[in-house]
Amino acid sequence: MTIDALCDARLAFLKRLPTWATFGRGWSDRVRSVRVQALLMSAQRPAAPVTASPPPRVETSPNGTSSIQPAPPAPGGKAAAAAGILVLLAGALAAFRHQVAAFFGSLFR
């Protein structure tokens, strides 16, 4: 998968840097959180192109009167909102984990 390949390549690059011993834990946590967020975003359906809303329907009854019916709402609003919330939660959890690891790491230095 492309996301895994990019994250693995990024981590390999960072491990070759001379400052890996100092910053490696934070960098690897960051690559891990980016991987999680990217995988969550890739699990979503691609966004539909933005188009104008369909025109309302005009229906004519048998007695000759016309009525205008509104167009149905666009699908996917709730699913997209739920996916966005999941991405935000994953990011918050990754940041929280990083903070906890930094706190406990500072206790044992």
C-alpha atoms as a PDB file:
ATOM      1  CA  MET A   1       0.000   0.000   0.000  1.00  0.00           C
ATOM      2  CA  THR A   2       1.252   3.481  -0.826  1.00  0.00           C
ATOM      3  CA  ILE A   3       0.695   4.892   2.665  1.00  0.00           C
ATOM      4  CA  ASP A   4       2.800   2.173   4.296  1.00  0.00           C
ATOM      5  CA  ALA A   5       5.554   2.551   1.701  1.00  0.00           C
ATOM      6  CA  LEU A   6       5.751   6.317   2.223  1.00  0.00           C
ATOM      7  CA  CYS A   7       5.764   6.044   6.018  1.00  0.00           C
ATOM      8  CA  ASP A   8       8.391   3.273   5.943  1.00  0.00           C
ATOM      9  CA  ALA A   9      10.595   5.346   3.623  1.00  0.00           C
ATOM     10  CA  ARG A  10      10.213   8.402   5.866  1.00  0.00           C
ATOM     11  CA  LEU A  11      11.129   6.391   8.964  1.00  0.00           C
ATOM     12  CA  ALA A  12      14.162   4.866   7.213  1.00  0.00           C
ATOM     13  CA  PHE A  13      15.332   8.368   6.249  1.00  0.00           C
ATOM     14  CA  LEU A  14      14.899   9.647   9.803  1.00  0.00           C
ATOM     15  CA  LYS A  15      16.815   6.683  11.254  1.00  0.00           C
ATOM     16  CA  ARG A  16      19.820   7.626   9.104  1.00  0.00           C
ATOM     17  CA  LEU A  17      20.026  11.131  10.582  1.00  0.00           C
ATOM     18  CA  PRO A  18      22.763  11.730  13.168  1.00  0.00           C
ATOM     19  CA  THR A  19      20.215  13.124  15.651  1.00  0.00           C
ATOM     20  CA  TRP A  20      18.089   9.932  15.638  1.00  0.00           C
ATOM     21  CA  ALA A  21      19.293   9.003  19.154  1.00  0.00           C
ATOM     22  CA  THR A  22      17.975  12.291  20.515  1.00  0.00           C
ATOM     23  CA  PHE A  23      14.761  12.784  18.548  1.00  0.00           C
ATOM     24  CA  GLY A  24      14.003   9.285  17.246  1.00  0.00           C
ATOM     25  CA  ARG A  25      11.211   8.477  19.681  1.00  0.00           C
ATOM     26  CA  GLY A  26       9.269  11.627  18.813  1.00  0.00           C
ATOM     27  CA  TRP A  27       9.857  11.207  15.097  1.00  0.00           C
ATOM     28  CA  SER A  28       8.740   7.589  15.120  1.00  0.00           C
ATOM     29  CA  ASP A  29       5.616   8.563  17.109  1.00  0.00           C
ATOM     30  CA  ARG A  30       4.875  11.261  14.528  1.00  0.00           C
ATOM     31  CA  VAL A  31       5.295   8.866  11.599  1.00  0.00           C
ATOM     32  CA  ARG A  32       3.036   6.373  13.397  1.00  0.00           C
ATOM     33  CA  SER A  33       0.311   9.000  13.947  1.00  0.00           C
ATOM     34  CA  VAL A  34       0.536  10.167  10.323  1.00  0.00           C
ATOM     35  CA  ARG A  35       0.211   6.537   9.176  1.00  0.00           C
ATOM     36  CA  VAL A  36      -2.897   6.005  11.337  1.00  0.00           C
ATOM     37  CA  GLN A  37      -4.537   9.220  10.133  1.00  0.00           C
ATOM     38  CA  ALA A  38      -3.727   8.490   6.487  1.00  0.00           C
ATOM     39  CA  LEU A  39      -5.109   4.954   6.726  1.00  0.00           C
ATOM     40  CA  LEU A  40      -8.289   6.277   8.325  1.00  0.00           C
ATOM     41  CA  MET A  41      -8.674   8.886   5.601  1.00  0.00           C
ATOM     42  CA  SER A  42      -8.046   6.338   2.856  1.00  0.00           C
ATOM     43  CA  ALA A  43     -10.827   4.135   4.237  1.00  0.00           C
ATOM     44  CA  GLN A  44     -13.367   6.852   3.388  1.00  0.00           C
ATOM     45  CA  ARG A  45     -15.137   6.970   0.074  1.00  0.00           C
ATOM     46  CA  PRO A  46     -13.763   9.560  -2.308  1.00  0.00           C
ATOM     47  CA  ALA A  47     -15.603  12.829  -2.078  1.00  0.00           C
ATOM     48  CA  ALA A  48     -18.154  13.432  -4.786  1.00  0.00           C
ATOM     49  CA  PRO A  49     -17.394  16.407  -7.010  1.00  0.00           C
ATOM     50  CA  VAL A  50     -19.168  19.581  -6.019  1.00  0.00           C
ATOM     51  CA  THR A  51     -22.066  20.182  -8.338  1.00  0.00           C
ATOM     52  CA  ALA A  52     -25.112  22.363  -8.284  1.00  0.00           C
ATOM     53  CA  SER A  53     -28.095  20.863  -6.526  1.00  0.00           C
ATOM     54  CA  PRO A  54     -30.616  19.233  -8.838  1.00  0.00           C
ATOM     55  CA  PRO A  55     -33.587  21.375  -9.779  1.00  0.00           C
ATOM     56  CA  PRO A  56     -36.847  20.743  -7.948  1.00  0.00           C
ATOM     57  CA  ARG A  57     -39.360  18.423  -9.587  1.00  0.00           C
ATOM     58  CA  VAL A  58     -42.563  19.837 -10.939  1.00  0.00           C
ATOM     59  CA  GLU A  59     -45.452  17.404 -10.739  1.00  0.00           C
ATOM     60  CA  THR A  60     -48.799  17.891 -12.369  1.00  0.00           C
ATOM     61  CA  SER A  61     -51.860  16.288 -10.817  1.00  0.00           C
ATOM     62  CA  PRO A  62     -54.699  14.791 -12.917  1.00  0.00           C
ATOM     63  CA  ASN A  63     -56.853  17.887 -12.346  1.00  0.00           C
ATOM     64  CA  GLY A  64     -54.179  20.119 -13.972  1.00  0.00           C
ATOM     65  CA  THR A  65     -52.639  21.771 -10.882  1.00  0.00           C
ATOM     66  CA  SER A  66     -48.871  21.810 -10.521  1.00  0.00           C
ATOM     67  CA  SER A  67     -46.877  21.237  -7.374  1.00  0.00           C
ATOM     68  CA  ILE A  68     -43.137  21.697  -6.824  1.00  0.00           C
ATOM     69  CA  GLN A  69     -41.332  18.930  -4.938  1.00  0.00           C
ATOM     70  CA  PRO A  70     -37.959  19.803  -3.386  1.00  0.00           C
ATOM     71  CA  ALA A  71     -34.901  17.859  -4.490  1.00  0.00           C
ATOM     72  CA  PRO A  72     -33.787  15.088  -2.094  1.00  0.00           C
ATOM     73  CA  PRO A  73     -30.821  15.920   0.175  1.00  0.00           C
ATOM     74  CA  ALA A  74     -27.334  14.844  -0.860  1.00  0.00           C
ATOM     75  CA  PRO A  75     -26.273  11.481   0.621  1.00  0.00           C
ATOM     76  CA  GLY A  76     -23.245  10.875   2.831  1.00  0.00           C
ATOM     77  CA  GLY A  77     -23.378  13.836   5.200  1.00  0.00           C
ATOM     78  CA  LYS A  78     -23.504  11.804   8.404  1.00  0.00           C
ATOM     79  CA  ALA A  79     -20.959   9.241   7.236  1.00  0.00           C
ATOM     80  CA  ALA A  80     -18.460  11.946   6.310  1.00  0.00           C
ATOM     81  CA  ALA A  81     -18.953  13.659   9.670  1.00  0.00           C
ATOM     82  CA  ALA A  82     -18.443  10.375  11.542  1.00  0.00           C
ATOM     83  CA  ALA A  83     -15.261   9.639   9.579  1.00  0.00           C
ATOM     84  CA  GLY A  84     -13.946  13.116  10.338  1.00  0.00           C
ATOM     85  CA  ILE A  85     -14.599  12.615  14.038  1.00  0.00           C
ATOM     86  CA  LEU A  86     -12.730   9.290  13.934  1.00  0.00           C
ATOM     87  CA  VAL A  87      -9.721  10.968  12.324  1.00  0.00           C
ATOM     88  CA  LEU A  88      -9.729  13.674  14.991  1.00  0.00           C
ATOM     89  CA  LEU A  89      -9.962  11.068  17.765  1.00  0.00           C
ATOM     90  CA  ALA A  90      -7.065   9.073  16.294  1.00  0.00           C
ATOM     91  CA  GLY A  91      -4.933  12.210  16.182  1.00  0.00           C
ATOM     92  CA  ALA A  92      -5.841  13.145  19.747  1.00  0.00           C
ATOM     93  CA  LEU A  93      -5.027   9.647  20.993  1.00  0.00           C
ATOM     94  CA  ALA A  94      -1.663   9.670  19.227  1.00  0.00           C
ATOM     95  CA  ALA A  95      -0.824  13.068  20.745  1.00  0.00           C
ATOM     96  CA  PHE A  96      -1.933  11.896  24.193  1.00  0.00           C
ATOM     97  CA  ARG A  97       0.215   8.761  23.916  1.00  0.00           C
ATOM     98  CA  HIS A  98       3.184  10.888  22.950  1.00  0.00           C
ATOM     99  CA  GLN A  99       2.672  13.170  25.967  1.00  0.00           C
ATOM    100  CA  VAL A 100       2.362  10.239  28.379  1.00  0.00           C
ATOM    101  CA  ALA A 101       5.500   8.597  26.956  1.00  0.00           C
ATOM    102  CA  ALA A 102       7.407  11.884  27.253  1.00  0.00           C
ATOM    103  CA  PHE A 103       6.255  12.323  30.860  1.00  0.00           C
ATOM    104  CA  PHE A 104       7.306   8.850  31.956  1.00  0.00           C
ATOM    105  CA  GLY A 105      10.513   9.090  29.930  1.00  0.00           C
ATOM    106  CA  SER A 106      11.449  12.259  31.812  1.00  0.00           C
ATOM    107  CA  LEU A 107      10.983  10.489  35.155  1.00  0.00           C
ATOM    108  CA  PHE A 108      13.668   7.928  34.398  1.00  0.00           C
ATOM    109  CA  ARG A 109      16.364  10.138  32.917  1.00  0.00           C
END
